[in-house]
């Protein structure tokens, strides 16, 4: 096998491993990095999801709180982001603006759908 083909075969698996850390524009799953017009955001875990199921009438709406790592130029910091509530980050504000599914399934034997989060950053220079 020619040398350049062997080199390419050795490098491709390494590049494939790096692809998951590339920022994504749009909804992201836990562990993925979102590009939000400034800092990058990685949702790490769901701290609380007390939202009502879509087909249930609730007295209290509930809330969703996501622990996320925000990455800037040479810094990173963890924040607990509540759906719809802006948080001051760097020189602007970061908001968790959407989350799917509306509420995880609670039926027995139902496979839960993975969360998808959308963030918005306003401000900056």
PDB file of N, CA and C in Angstrom:
ATOM      1  N   UNK A   1       0.859  -1.167   0.000  1.00  0.00           N
ATOM      2  CA  UNK A   1       0.000   0.000   0.000  1.00  0.00           C
ATOM      3  C   UNK A   1       0.912   1.238   0.000  1.00  0.00           C
ATOM      4  N   UNK A   2       0.620   2.235  -0.871  1.00  0.00           N
ATOM      5  CA  UNK A   2       1.437   3.445  -0.905  1.00  0.00           C
ATOM      6  C   UNK A   2       1.434   4.159   0.445  1.00  0.00           C
ATOM      7  N   UNK A   3       2.522   4.870   0.713  1.00  0.00           N
ATOM      8  CA  UNK A   3       2.705   5.530   2.010  1.00  0.00           C
ATOM      9  C   UNK A   3       1.598   6.547   2.298  1.00  0.00           C
ATOM     10  N   UNK A   4       1.202   7.362   1.313  1.00  0.00           N
ATOM     11  CA  UNK A   4       0.186   8.394   1.572  1.00  0.00           C
ATOM     12  C   UNK A   4      -1.178   7.770   1.882  1.00  0.00           C
ATOM     13  N   UNK A   5      -1.481   6.598   1.328  1.00  0.00           N
ATOM     14  CA  UNK A   5      -2.730   5.912   1.636  1.00  0.00           C
ATOM     15  C   UNK A   5      -2.699   5.390   3.068  1.00  0.00           C
ATOM     16  N   UNK A   6      -1.543   4.853   3.485  1.00  0.00           N
ATOM     17  CA  UNK A   6      -1.411   4.375   4.868  1.00  0.00           C
ATOM     18  C   UNK A   6      -1.543   5.523   5.859  1.00  0.00           C
ATOM     19  N   UNK A   7      -0.944   6.651   5.529  1.00  0.00           N
ATOM     20  CA  UNK A   7      -1.028   7.826   6.399  1.00  0.00           C
ATOM     21  C   UNK A   7      -2.477   8.301   6.513  1.00  0.00           C
ATOM     22  N   UNK A   8      -3.169   8.354   5.393  1.00  0.00           N
ATOM     23  CA  UNK A   8      -4.568   8.762   5.394  1.00  0.00           C
ATOM     24  C   UNK A   8      -5.416   7.789   6.211  1.00  0.00           C
ATOM     25  N   UNK A   9      -5.161   6.506   6.073  1.00  0.00           N
ATOM     26  CA  UNK A   9      -5.897   5.498   6.834  1.00  0.00           C
ATOM     27  C   UNK A   9      -5.648   5.638   8.327  1.00  0.00           C
ATOM     28  N   UNK A  10      -4.465   6.095   8.712  1.00  0.00           N
ATOM     29  CA  UNK A  10      -4.148   6.276  10.130  1.00  0.00           C
ATOM     30  C   UNK A  10      -4.763   7.552  10.688  1.00  0.00           C
ATOM     31  N   UNK A  11      -4.879   8.592   9.864  1.00  0.00           N
ATOM     32  CA  UNK A  11      -5.354   9.897  10.329  1.00  0.00           C
ATOM     33  C   UNK A  11      -6.882   9.989  10.346  1.00  0.00           C
ATOM     34  N   UNK A  12      -7.573   9.351   9.423  1.00  0.00           N
ATOM     35  CA  UNK A  12      -9.032   9.461   9.339  1.00  0.00           C
ATOM     36  C   UNK A  12      -9.757   9.096  10.628  1.00  0.00           C
ATOM     37  N   UNK A  13      -9.410   8.000  11.317  1.00  0.00           N
ATOM     38  CA  UNK A  13     -10.107   7.718  12.578  1.00  0.00           C
ATOM     39  C   UNK A  13      -9.904   8.805  13.631  1.00  0.00           C
ATOM     40  N   UNK A  14      -8.743   9.432  13.642  1.00  0.00           N
ATOM     41  CA  UNK A  14      -8.499  10.519  14.594  1.00  0.00           C
ATOM     42  C   UNK A  14      -9.374  11.720  14.277  1.00  0.00           C
ATOM     43  N   UNK A  15      -9.517  12.032  12.996  1.00  0.00           N
ATOM     44  CA  UNK A  15     -10.371  13.153  12.607  1.00  0.00           C
ATOM     45  C   UNK A  15     -11.835  12.872  12.904  1.00  0.00           C
ATOM     46  N   UNK A  16     -12.255  11.651  12.729  1.00  0.00           N
ATOM     47  CA  UNK A  16     -13.649  11.302  13.013  1.00  0.00           C
ATOM     48  C   UNK A  16     -13.971  11.516  14.485  1.00  0.00           C
ATOM     49  N   UNK A  17     -13.027  11.250  15.372  1.00  0.00           N
ATOM     50  CA  UNK A  17     -13.235  11.463  16.795  1.00  0.00           C
ATOM     51  C   UNK A  17     -13.369  12.928  17.148  1.00  0.00           C
ATOM     52  N   UNK A  18     -12.760  13.803  16.365  1.00  0.00           N
ATOM     53  CA  UNK A  18     -12.826  15.239  16.626  1.00  0.00           C
ATOM     54  C   UNK A  18     -14.119  15.863  16.144  1.00  0.00           C
ATOM     55  N   UNK A  19     -14.816  15.221  15.241  1.00  0.00           N
ATOM     56  CA  UNK A  19     -16.004  15.817  14.644  1.00  0.00           C
ATOM     57  C   UNK A  19     -17.086  16.123  15.665  1.00  0.00           C
ATOM     58  N   UNK A  20     -17.166  15.357  16.740  1.00  0.00           N
ATOM     59  CA  UNK A  20     -18.231  15.555  17.717  1.00  0.00           C
ATOM     60  C   UNK A  20     -18.032  16.812  18.559  1.00  0.00           C
ATOM     61  N   UNK A  21     -16.840  17.403  18.559  1.00  0.00           N
ATOM     62  CA  UNK A  21     -16.603  18.608  19.348  1.00  0.00           C
ATOM     63  C   UNK A  21     -16.782  19.871  18.515  1.00  0.00           C
ATOM     64  N   UNK A  22     -17.120  19.747  17.259  1.00  0.00           N
ATOM     65  CA  UNK A  22     -17.333  20.905  16.403  1.00  0.00           C
ATOM     66  C   UNK A  22     -18.669  21.556  16.771  1.00  0.00           C
ATOM     67  N   UNK A  23     -18.689  22.893  16.960  1.00  0.00           N
ATOM     68  CA  UNK A  23     -19.941  23.562  17.315  1.00  0.00           C
ATOM     69  C   UNK A  23     -21.016  23.364  16.251  1.00  0.00           C
ATOM     70  N   UNK A  24     -22.264  23.253  16.696  1.00  0.00           N
ATOM     71  CA  UNK A  24     -23.413  23.046  15.828  1.00  0.00           C
ATOM     72  C   UNK A  24     -24.304  24.268  15.918  1.00  0.00           C
ATOM     73  N   UNK A  25     -24.806  24.725  14.790  1.00  0.00           N
ATOM     74  CA  UNK A  25     -25.789  25.806  14.803  1.00  0.00           C
ATOM     75  C   UNK A  25     -27.158  25.152  14.762  1.00  0.00           C
ATOM     76  N   UNK A  26     -27.952  25.373  15.775  1.00  0.00           N
ATOM     77  CA  UNK A  26     -29.269  24.751  15.857  1.00  0.00           C
ATOM     78  C   UNK A  26     -29.388  23.922  17.115  1.00  0.00           C
ATOM     79  N   UNK A  27     -30.454  23.162  17.242  1.00  0.00           N
ATOM     80  CA  UNK A  27     -30.661  22.363  18.456  1.00  0.00           C
ATOM     81  C   UNK A  27     -29.551  21.339  18.662  1.00  0.00           C
ATOM     82  N   UNK A  28     -29.132  21.179  19.927  1.00  0.00           N
ATOM     83  CA  UNK A  28     -28.075  20.223  20.269  1.00  0.00           C
ATOM     84  C   UNK A  28     -28.549  19.291  21.370  1.00  0.00           C
ATOM     85  N   UNK A  29     -27.948  18.101  21.411  1.00  0.00           N
ATOM     86  CA  UNK A  29     -28.216  17.133  22.469  1.00  0.00           C
ATOM     87  C   UNK A  29     -27.258  17.358  23.629  1.00  0.00           C
ATOM     88  N   UNK A  30     -27.487  16.662  24.728  1.00  0.00           N
ATOM     89  CA  UNK A  30     -26.553  16.721  25.852  1.00  0.00           C
ATOM     90  C   UNK A  30     -25.164  16.341  25.358  1.00  0.00           C
ATOM     91  N   UNK A  31     -24.165  17.134  25.745  1.00  0.00           N
ATOM     92  CA  UNK A  31     -22.785  16.854  25.379  1.00  0.00           C
ATOM     93  C   UNK A  31     -22.327  17.465  24.074  1.00  0.00           C
ATOM     94  N   UNK A  32     -23.232  17.894  23.224  1.00  0.00           N
ATOM     95  CA  UNK A  32     -22.849  18.554  21.984  1.00  0.00           C
ATOM     96  C   UNK A  32     -22.620  20.037  22.247  1.00  0.00           C
ATOM     97  N   UNK A  33     -21.850  20.677  21.380  1.00  0.00           N
ATOM     98  CA  UNK A  33     -21.543  22.098  21.550  1.00  0.00           C
ATOM     99  C   UNK A  33     -22.320  22.917  20.530  1.00  0.00           C
ATOM    100  N   UNK A  34     -23.037  23.919  21.039  1.00  0.00           N
ATOM    101  CA  UNK A  34     -23.823  24.805  20.184  1.00  0.00           C
ATOM    102  C   UNK A  34     -23.058  26.096  19.940  1.00  0.00           C
ATOM    103  N   UNK A  35     -23.086  26.559  18.713  1.00  0.00           N
ATOM    104  CA  UNK A  35     -22.547  27.864  18.361  1.00  0.00           C
ATOM    105  C   UNK A  35     -23.695  28.860  18.450  1.00  0.00           C
ATOM    106  N   UNK A  36     -23.540  29.897  19.276  1.00  0.00           N
ATOM    107  CA  UNK A  36     -24.661  30.813  19.526  1.00  0.00           C
ATOM    108  C   UNK A  36     -24.299  32.275  19.266  1.00  0.00           C
ATOM    109  N   UNK A  37     -23.607  32.549  18.161  1.00  0.00           N
ATOM    110  CA  UNK A  37     -23.294  33.928  17.818  1.00  0.00           C
ATOM    111  C   UNK A  37     -22.446  34.604  18.893  1.00  0.00           C
ATOM    112  N   UNK A  38     -21.444  33.948  19.342  1.00  0.00           N
ATOM    113  CA  UNK A  38     -20.556  34.459  20.387  1.00  0.00           C
ATOM    114  C   UNK A  38     -19.925  33.284  21.092  1.00  0.00           C
ATOM    115  N   UNK A  39     -20.268  33.087  22.358  1.00  0.00           N
ATOM    116  CA  UNK A  39     -19.708  31.932  23.065  1.00  0.00           C
ATOM    117  C   UNK A  39     -20.297  30.631  22.530  1.00  0.00           C
ATOM    118  N   UNK A  40     -19.686  29.538  22.919  1.00  0.00           N
ATOM    119  CA  UNK A  40     -20.211  28.216  22.596  1.00  0.00           C
ATOM    120  C   UNK A  40     -20.819  27.643  23.865  1.00  0.00           C
ATOM    121  N   UNK A  41     -21.847  26.807  23.715  1.00  0.00           N
ATOM    122  CA  UNK A  41     -22.577  26.279  24.862  1.00  0.00           C
ATOM    123  C   UNK A  41     -22.683  24.765  24.729  1.00  0.00           C
ATOM    124  N   UNK A  42     -22.344  24.059  25.811  1.00  0.00           N
ATOM    125  CA  UNK A  42     -22.485  22.604  25.845  1.00  0.00           C
ATOM    126  C   UNK A  42     -23.429  22.230  26.980  1.00  0.00           C
ATOM    127  N   UNK A  43     -24.659  21.781  26.670  1.00  0.00           N
ATOM    128  CA  UNK A  43     -25.547  21.318  27.737  1.00  0.00           C
ATOM    129  C   UNK A  43     -24.985  20.021  28.329  1.00  0.00           C
ATOM    130  N   UNK A  44     -24.762  20.023  29.641  1.00  0.00           N
ATOM    131  CA  UNK A  44     -24.133  18.879  30.303  1.00  0.00           C
ATOM    132  C   UNK A  44     -25.141  17.940  30.951  1.00  0.00           C
ATOM    133  N   UNK A  45     -26.181  18.504  31.575  1.00  0.00           N
ATOM    134  CA  UNK A  45     -27.164  17.654  32.247  1.00  0.00           C
ATOM    135  C   UNK A  45     -28.461  18.419  32.472  1.00  0.00           C
ATOM    136  N   UNK A  46     -29.527  17.666  32.671  1.00  0.00           N
ATOM    137  CA  UNK A  46     -30.810  18.247  33.029  1.00  0.00           C
ATOM    138  C   UNK A  46     -30.891  18.207  34.546  1.00  0.00           C
ATOM    139  N   UNK A  47     -30.959  19.382  35.157  1.00  0.00           N
ATOM    140  CA  UNK A  47     -31.033  19.495  36.609  1.00  0.00           C
ATOM    141  C   UNK A  47     -32.460  19.275  37.092  1.00  0.00           C
ATOM    142  N   UNK A  48     -33.412  19.850  36.352  1.00  0.00           N
ATOM    143  CA  UNK A  48     -34.825  19.734  36.725  1.00  0.00           C
ATOM    144  C   UNK A  48     -35.684  19.827  35.475  1.00  0.00           C
ATOM    145  N   UNK A  49     -36.683  18.981  35.400  1.00  0.00           N
ATOM    146  CA  UNK A  49     -37.688  19.093  34.350  1.00  0.00           C
ATOM    147  C   UNK A  49     -39.037  18.780  34.979  1.00  0.00           C
ATOM    148  N   UNK A  50     -39.700  19.827  35.442  1.00  0.00           N
ATOM    149  CA  UNK A  50     -40.989  19.667  36.093  1.00  0.00           C
ATOM    150  C   UNK A  50     -42.114  20.200  35.202  1.00  0.00           C
ATOM    151  N   UNK A  51     -41.815  20.330  33.900  1.00  0.00           N
ATOM    152  CA  UNK A  51     -42.842  20.808  32.974  1.00  0.00           C
ATOM    153  C   UNK A  51     -43.956  19.765  32.855  1.00  0.00           C
ATOM    154  N   UNK A  52     -45.130  20.247  32.560  1.00  0.00           N
ATOM    155  CA  UNK A  52     -46.277  19.348  32.372  1.00  0.00           C
ATOM    156  C   UNK A  52     -46.196  18.671  31.015  1.00  0.00           C
ATOM    157  N   UNK A  53     -46.744  17.483  30.945  1.00  0.00           N
ATOM    158  CA  UNK A  53     -46.846  16.790  29.663  1.00  0.00           C
ATOM    159  C   UNK A  53     -47.785  17.580  28.759  1.00  0.00           C
ATOM    160  N   UNK A  54     -47.577  17.514  27.432  1.00  0.00           N
ATOM    161  CA  UNK A  54     -48.388  18.318  26.515  1.00  0.00           C
ATOM    162  C   UNK A  54     -49.889  18.053  26.598  1.00  0.00           C
ATOM    163  N   UNK A  55     -50.302  16.854  26.964  1.00  0.00           N
ATOM    164  CA  UNK A  55     -51.725  16.516  26.981  1.00  0.00           C
ATOM    165  C   UNK A  55     -52.349  16.594  28.371  1.00  0.00           C
ATOM    166  N   UNK A  56     -51.688  17.302  29.291  1.00  0.00           N
ATOM    167  CA  UNK A  56     -52.157  17.407  30.667  1.00  0.00           C
ATOM    168  C   UNK A  56     -52.384  18.873  31.009  1.00  0.00           C
ATOM    169  N   UNK A  57     -53.470  19.157  31.711  1.00  0.00           N
ATOM    170  CA  UNK A  57     -53.715  20.523  32.177  1.00  0.00           C
ATOM    171  C   UNK A  57     -53.131  20.653  33.572  1.00  0.00           C
ATOM    172  N   UNK A  58     -52.176  21.566  33.730  1.00  0.00           N
ATOM    173  CA  UNK A  58     -51.487  21.733  35.011  1.00  0.00           C
ATOM    174  C   UNK A  58     -51.831  23.072  35.644  1.00  0.00           C
ATOM    175  N   UNK A  59     -51.808  23.095  36.965  1.00  0.00           N
ATOM    176  CA  UNK A  59     -52.042  24.330  37.697  1.00  0.00           C
ATOM    177  C   UNK A  59     -50.768  25.168  37.688  1.00  0.00           C
ATOM    178  N   UNK A  60     -49.639  24.527  37.867  1.00  0.00           N
ATOM    179  CA  UNK A  60     -48.340  25.188  37.841  1.00  0.00           C
ATOM    180  C   UNK A  60     -47.592  24.687  36.606  1.00  0.00           C
ATOM    181  N   UNK A  61     -47.049  25.610  35.840  1.00  0.00           N
ATOM    182  CA  UNK A  61     -46.434  25.255  34.560  1.00  0.00           C
ATOM    183  C   UNK A  61     -45.180  24.392  34.714  1.00  0.00           C
ATOM    184  N   UNK A  62     -44.443  24.538  35.799  1.00  0.00           N
ATOM    185  CA  UNK A  62     -43.190  23.811  35.954  1.00  0.00           C
ATOM    186  C   UNK A  62     -42.055  24.514  35.236  1.00  0.00           C
ATOM    187  N   UNK A  63     -40.874  23.929  35.309  1.00  0.00           N
ATOM    188  CA  UNK A  63     -39.724  24.571  34.668  1.00  0.00           C
ATOM    189  C   UNK A  63     -38.700  23.533  34.247  1.00  0.00           C
ATOM    190  N   UNK A  64     -37.815  23.976  33.376  1.00  0.00           N
ATOM    191  CA  UNK A  64     -36.706  23.153  32.911  1.00  0.00           C
ATOM    192  C   UNK A  64     -35.423  23.886  33.237  1.00  0.00           C
ATOM    193  N   UNK A  65     -34.509  23.214  33.917  1.00  0.00           N
ATOM    194  CA  UNK A  65     -33.205  23.785  34.246  1.00  0.00           C
ATOM    195  C   UNK A  65     -32.138  22.857  33.677  1.00  0.00           C
ATOM    196  N   UNK A  66     -31.237  23.435  32.891  1.00  0.00           N
ATOM    197  CA  UNK A  66     -30.159  22.681  32.253  1.00  0.00           C
ATOM    198  C   UNK A  66     -28.822  23.235  32.726  1.00  0.00           C
ATOM    199  N   UNK A  67     -27.952  22.361  33.210  1.00  0.00           N
ATOM    200  CA  UNK A  67     -26.586  22.767  33.567  1.00  0.00           C
ATOM    201  C   UNK A  67     -25.759  22.716  32.291  1.00  0.00           C
ATOM    202  N   UNK A  68     -25.143  23.859  31.960  1.00  0.00           N
ATOM    203  CA  UNK A  68     -24.398  23.967  30.711  1.00  0.00           C
ATOM    204  C   UNK A  68     -23.046  24.620  30.954  1.00  0.00           C
ATOM    205  N   UNK A  69     -22.070  24.212  30.172  1.00  0.00           N
ATOM    206  CA  UNK A  69     -20.760  24.840  30.187  1.00  0.00           C
ATOM    207  C   UNK A  69     -20.706  25.827  29.033  1.00  0.00           C
ATOM    208  N   UNK A  70     -20.367  27.072  29.342  1.00  0.00           N
ATOM    209  CA  UNK A  70     -20.234  28.114  28.332  1.00  0.00           C
ATOM    210  C   UNK A  70     -18.751  28.328  28.104  1.00  0.00           C
ATOM    211  N   UNK A  71     -18.358  28.308  26.830  1.00  0.00           N
ATOM    212  CA  UNK A  71     -16.953  28.405  26.451  1.00  0.00           C
ATOM    213  C   UNK A  71     -16.730  29.697  25.675  1.00  0.00           C
ATOM    214  N   UNK A  72     -15.771  30.504  26.143  1.00  0.00           N
ATOM    215  CA  UNK A  72     -15.420  31.733  25.446  1.00  0.00           C
ATOM    216  C   UNK A  72     -14.029  31.605  24.865  1.00  0.00           C
ATOM    217  N   UNK A  73     -13.381  32.742  24.575  1.00  0.00           N
ATOM    218  CA  UNK A  73     -12.040  32.734  23.985  1.00  0.00           C
ATOM    219  C   UNK A  73     -11.064  31.843  24.727  1.00  0.00           C
ATOM    220  N   UNK A  74     -10.752  32.162  25.961  1.00  0.00           N
ATOM    221  CA  UNK A  74      -9.837  31.345  26.749  1.00  0.00           C
ATOM    222  C   UNK A  74     -10.424  30.978  28.093  1.00  0.00           C
ATOM    223  N   UNK A  75     -11.715  30.929  28.194  1.00  0.00           N
ATOM    224  CA  UNK A  75     -12.366  30.668  29.481  1.00  0.00           C
ATOM    225  C   UNK A  75     -13.541  29.717  29.289  1.00  0.00           C
ATOM    226  N   UNK A  76     -13.976  29.137  30.400  1.00  0.00           N
ATOM    227  CA  UNK A  76     -15.206  28.344  30.425  1.00  0.00           C
ATOM    228  C   UNK A  76     -15.817  28.469  31.815  1.00  0.00           C
ATOM    229  N   UNK A  77     -17.141  28.407  31.869  1.00  0.00           N
ATOM    230  CA  UNK A  77     -17.839  28.525  33.139  1.00  0.00           C
ATOM    231  C   UNK A  77     -19.150  27.764  33.051  1.00  0.00           C
ATOM    232  N   UNK A  78     -19.543  27.119  34.141  1.00  0.00           N
ATOM    233  CA  UNK A  78     -20.811  26.392  34.179  1.00  0.00           C
ATOM    234  C   UNK A  78     -21.926  27.286  34.706  1.00  0.00           C
ATOM    235  N   UNK A  79     -23.105  27.155  34.087  1.00  0.00           N
ATOM    236  CA  UNK A  79     -24.293  27.901  34.479  1.00  0.00           C
ATOM    237  C   UNK A  79     -25.473  26.947  34.542  1.00  0.00           C
ATOM    238  N   UNK A  80     -26.432  27.234  35.418  1.00  0.00           N
ATOM    239  CA  UNK A  80     -27.716  26.550  35.402  1.00  0.00           C
ATOM    240  C   UNK A  80     -28.672  27.479  34.660  1.00  0.00           C
ATOM    241  N   UNK A  81     -29.129  27.042  33.491  1.00  0.00           N
ATOM    242  CA  UNK A  81     -29.984  27.852  32.637  1.00  0.00           C
ATOM    243  C   UNK A  81     -31.422  27.368  32.744  1.00  0.00           C
ATOM    244  N   UNK A  82     -32.320  28.285  33.092  1.00  0.00           N
ATOM    245  CA  UNK A  82     -33.746  27.990  33.177  1.00  0.00           C
ATOM    246  C   UNK A  82     -34.389  28.413  31.865  1.00  0.00           C
ATOM    247  N   UNK A  83     -35.225  27.550  31.309  1.00  0.00           N
ATOM    248  CA  UNK A  83     -35.876  27.812  30.029  1.00  0.00           C
ATOM    249  C   UNK A  83     -36.551  29.185  30.053  1.00  0.00           C
ATOM    250  N   UNK A  84     -36.159  30.038  29.095  1.00  0.00           N
ATOM    251  CA  UNK A  84     -36.773  31.352  28.943  1.00  0.00           C
ATOM    252  C   UNK A  84     -36.193  32.467  29.791  1.00  0.00           C
ATOM    253  N   UNK A  85     -35.217  32.166  30.655  1.00  0.00           N
ATOM    254  CA  UNK A  85     -34.657  33.175  31.549  1.00  0.00           C
ATOM    255  C   UNK A  85     -33.223  33.526  31.137  1.00  0.00           C
ATOM    256  N   UNK A  86     -32.967  34.788  30.717  1.00  0.00           N
ATOM    257  CA  UNK A  86     -31.615  35.184  30.313  1.00  0.00           C
ATOM    258  C   UNK A  86     -30.643  35.185  31.495  1.00  0.00           C
ATOM    259  N   UNK A  87     -29.384  34.850  31.195  1.00  0.00           N
ATOM    260  CA  UNK A  87     -28.311  34.860  32.190  1.00  0.00           C
ATOM    261  C   UNK A  87     -27.177  35.708  31.615  1.00  0.00           C
ATOM    262  N   UNK A  88     -26.605  36.608  32.440  1.00  0.00           N
ATOM    263  CA  UNK A  88     -25.484  37.432  31.993  1.00  0.00           C
ATOM    264  C   UNK A  88     -24.255  36.560  31.790  1.00  0.00           C
ATOM    265  N   UNK A  89     -23.717  36.622  30.569  1.00  0.00           N
ATOM    266  CA  UNK A  89     -22.520  35.861  30.209  1.00  0.00           C
ATOM    267  C   UNK A  89     -21.626  36.784  29.399  1.00  0.00           C
ATOM    268  N   UNK A  90     -20.380  36.893  29.826  1.00  0.00           N
ATOM    269  CA  UNK A  90     -19.405  37.734  29.134  1.00  0.00           C
ATOM    270  C   UNK A  90     -19.996  39.126  28.928  1.00  0.00           C
ATOM    271  N   UNK A  91     -20.146  39.554  27.684  1.00  0.00           N
ATOM    272  CA  UNK A  91     -20.651  40.899  27.408  1.00  0.00           C
ATOM    273  C   UNK A  91     -22.059  40.878  26.822  1.00  0.00           C
ATOM    274  N   UNK A  92     -22.853  39.886  27.214  1.00  0.00           N
ATOM    275  CA  UNK A  92     -24.215  39.781  26.704  1.00  0.00           C
ATOM    276  C   UNK A  92     -25.068  38.901  27.598  1.00  0.00           C
ATOM    277  N   UNK A  93     -26.128  38.359  27.035  1.00  0.00           N
ATOM    278  CA  UNK A  93     -26.988  37.454  27.800  1.00  0.00           C
ATOM    279  C   UNK A  93     -27.255  36.193  26.985  1.00  0.00           C
ATOM    280  N   UNK A  94     -27.282  35.081  27.693  1.00  0.00           N
ATOM    281  CA  UNK A  94     -27.508  33.771  27.103  1.00  0.00           C
ATOM    282  C   UNK A  94     -28.838  33.247  27.618  1.00  0.00           C
ATOM    283  N   UNK A  95     -29.661  32.714  26.702  1.00  0.00           N
ATOM    284  CA  UNK A  95     -30.974  32.196  27.074  1.00  0.00           C
ATOM    285  C   UNK A  95     -31.184  30.822  26.451  1.00  0.00           C
ATOM    286  N   UNK A  96     -31.672  29.898  27.259  1.00  0.00           N
ATOM    287  CA  UNK A  96     -32.169  28.620  26.752  1.00  0.00           C
ATOM    288  C   UNK A  96     -33.567  28.939  26.236  1.00  0.00           C
ATOM    289  N   UNK A  97     -33.742  28.941  24.900  1.00  0.00           N
ATOM    290  CA  UNK A  97     -35.014  29.420  24.342  1.00  0.00           C
ATOM    291  C   UNK A  97     -35.971  28.298  23.948  1.00  0.00           C
ATOM    292  N   UNK A  98     -35.476  27.076  23.809  1.00  0.00           N
ATOM    293  CA  UNK A  98     -36.367  25.972  23.430  1.00  0.00           C
ATOM    294  C   UNK A  98     -35.763  24.654  23.859  1.00  0.00           C
ATOM    295  N   UNK A  99     -36.647  23.701  24.120  1.00  0.00           N
ATOM    296  CA  UNK A  99     -36.215  22.344  24.477  1.00  0.00           C
ATOM    297  C   UNK A  99     -37.249  21.362  23.952  1.00  0.00           C
ATOM    298  N   UNK A 100     -36.773  20.318  23.332  1.00  0.00           N
ATOM    299  CA  UNK A 100     -37.642  19.246  22.863  1.00  0.00           C
ATOM    300  C   UNK A 100     -37.174  17.961  23.501  1.00  0.00           C
ATOM    301  N   UNK A 101     -37.978  17.028  23.781  1.00  0.00           N
ATOM    302  CA  UNK A 101     -39.432  17.079  23.659  1.00  0.00           C
ATOM    303  C   UNK A 101     -40.017  18.025  24.709  1.00  0.00           C
ATOM    304  N   UNK A 102     -41.291  18.429  24.522  1.00  0.00           N
ATOM    305  CA  UNK A 102     -41.904  19.337  25.491  1.00  0.00           C
ATOM    306  C   UNK A 102     -41.816  18.798  26.914  1.00  0.00           C
ATOM    307  N   UNK A 103     -41.954  17.529  27.082  1.00  0.00           N
ATOM    308  CA  UNK A 103     -41.826  16.867  28.389  1.00  0.00           C
ATOM    309  C   UNK A 103     -41.527  15.403  28.098  1.00  0.00           C
ATOM    310  N   UNK A 104     -40.542  14.821  28.770  1.00  0.00           N
ATOM    311  CA  UNK A 104     -40.240  13.411  28.531  1.00  0.00           C
ATOM    312  C   UNK A 104     -41.440  12.514  28.831  1.00  0.00           C
ATOM    313  N   UNK A 105     -41.523  11.418  28.115  1.00  0.00           N
ATOM    314  CA  UNK A 105     -42.606  10.458  28.328  1.00  0.00           C
ATOM    315  C   UNK A 105     -42.514   9.850  29.719  1.00  0.00           C
ATOM    316  N   UNK A 106     -43.655   9.623  30.333  1.00  0.00           N
ATOM    317  CA  UNK A 106     -43.664   9.026  31.666  1.00  0.00           C
ATOM    318  C   UNK A 106     -44.326   7.652  31.665  1.00  0.00           C
ATOM    319  N   UNK A 107     -44.830   7.230  30.502  1.00  0.00           N
ATOM    320  CA  UNK A 107     -45.476   5.920  30.433  1.00  0.00           C
ATOM    321  C   UNK A 107     -44.448   4.821  30.633  1.00  0.00           C
ATOM    322  N   UNK A 108     -44.877   3.767  31.301  1.00  0.00           N
ATOM    323  CA  UNK A 108     -43.978   2.636  31.496  1.00  0.00           C
ATOM    324  C   UNK A 108     -43.662   2.015  30.149  1.00  0.00           C
ATOM    325  N   UNK A 109     -42.450   1.522  30.032  1.00  0.00           N
ATOM    326  CA  UNK A 109     -41.957   0.854  28.826  1.00  0.00           C
ATOM    327  C   UNK A 109     -41.875   1.775  27.614  1.00  0.00           C
ATOM    328  N   UNK A 110     -42.039   3.068  27.786  1.00  0.00           N
ATOM    329  CA  UNK A 110     -41.898   4.001  26.676  1.00  0.00           C
ATOM    330  C   UNK A 110     -40.455   4.493  26.651  1.00  0.00           C
ATOM    331  N   UNK A 111     -39.846   4.409  25.489  1.00  0.00           N
ATOM    332  CA  UNK A 111     -38.463   4.862  25.364  1.00  0.00           C
ATOM    333  C   UNK A 111     -38.447   6.388  25.320  1.00  0.00           C
ATOM    334  N   UNK A 112     -37.720   7.033  26.240  1.00  0.00           N
ATOM    335  CA  UNK A 112     -37.704   8.499  26.240  1.00  0.00           C
ATOM    336  C   UNK A 112     -36.968   9.040  25.014  1.00  0.00           C
ATOM    337  N   UNK A 113     -37.478  10.130  24.485  1.00  0.00           N
ATOM    338  CA  UNK A 113     -36.823  10.792  23.365  1.00  0.00           C
ATOM    339  C   UNK A 113     -35.662  11.624  23.897  1.00  0.00           C
ATOM    340  N   UNK A 114     -34.572  11.727  23.143  1.00  0.00           N
ATOM    341  CA  UNK A 114     -33.448  12.542  23.617  1.00  0.00           C
ATOM    342  C   UNK A 114     -33.807  14.025  23.600  1.00  0.00           C
ATOM    343  N   UNK A 115     -33.289  14.733  24.582  1.00  0.00           N
ATOM    344  CA  UNK A 115     -33.488  16.178  24.631  1.00  0.00           C
ATOM    345  C   UNK A 115     -32.738  16.834  23.478  1.00  0.00           C
ATOM    346  N   UNK A 116     -33.278  17.949  23.005  1.00  0.00           N
ATOM    347  CA  UNK A 116     -32.629  18.840  22.047  1.00  0.00           C
ATOM    348  C   UNK A 116     -32.826  20.257  22.578  1.00  0.00           C
ATOM    349  N   UNK A 117     -31.743  21.019  22.675  1.00  0.00           N
ATOM    350  CA  UNK A 117     -31.792  22.360  23.271  1.00  0.00           C
ATOM    351  C   UNK A 117     -31.387  23.412  22.243  1.00  0.00           C
ATOM    352  N   UNK A 118     -32.046  24.571  22.318  1.00  0.00           N
ATOM    353  CA  UNK A 118     -31.710  25.705  21.471  1.00  0.00           C
ATOM    354  C   UNK A 118     -31.394  26.894  22.372  1.00  0.00           C
ATOM    355  N   UNK A 119     -30.264  27.531  22.096  1.00  0.00           N
ATOM    356  CA  UNK A 119     -29.798  28.664  22.897  1.00  0.00           C
ATOM    357  C   UNK A 119     -29.726  29.908  22.030  1.00  0.00           C
ATOM    358  N   UNK A 120     -29.785  31.070  22.688  1.00  0.00           N
ATOM    359  CA  UNK A 120     -29.656  32.342  21.996  1.00  0.00           C
ATOM    360  C   UNK A 120     -28.739  33.233  22.812  1.00  0.00           C
ATOM    361  N   UNK A 121     -27.803  33.910  22.122  1.00  0.00           N
ATOM    362  CA  UNK A 121     -26.928  34.863  22.787  1.00  0.00           C
ATOM    363  C   UNK A 121     -27.181  36.228  22.181  1.00  0.00           C
ATOM    364  N   UNK A 122     -27.412  37.228  23.049  1.00  0.00           N
ATOM    365  CA  UNK A 122     -27.627  38.593  22.606  1.00  0.00           C
ATOM    366  C   UNK A 122     -26.605  39.491  23.268  1.00  0.00           C
ATOM    367  N   UNK A 123     -26.062  40.385  22.483  1.00  0.00           N
ATOM    368  CA  UNK A 123     -25.077  41.315  23.014  1.00  0.00           C
ATOM    369  C   UNK A 123     -23.750  41.106  22.317  1.00  0.00           C
ATOM    370  N   UNK A 124     -22.714  41.442  23.001  1.00  0.00           N
ATOM    371  CA  UNK A 124     -21.386  41.322  22.412  1.00  0.00           C
ATOM    372  C   UNK A 124     -21.077  42.521  21.533  1.00  0.00           C
ATOM    373  N   UNK A 125     -19.832  42.579  21.148  1.00  0.00           N
ATOM    374  CA  UNK A 125     -19.400  43.717  20.314  1.00  0.00           C
ATOM    375  C   UNK A 125     -19.322  43.345  18.869  1.00  0.00           C
TER     376      UNK A 125
END
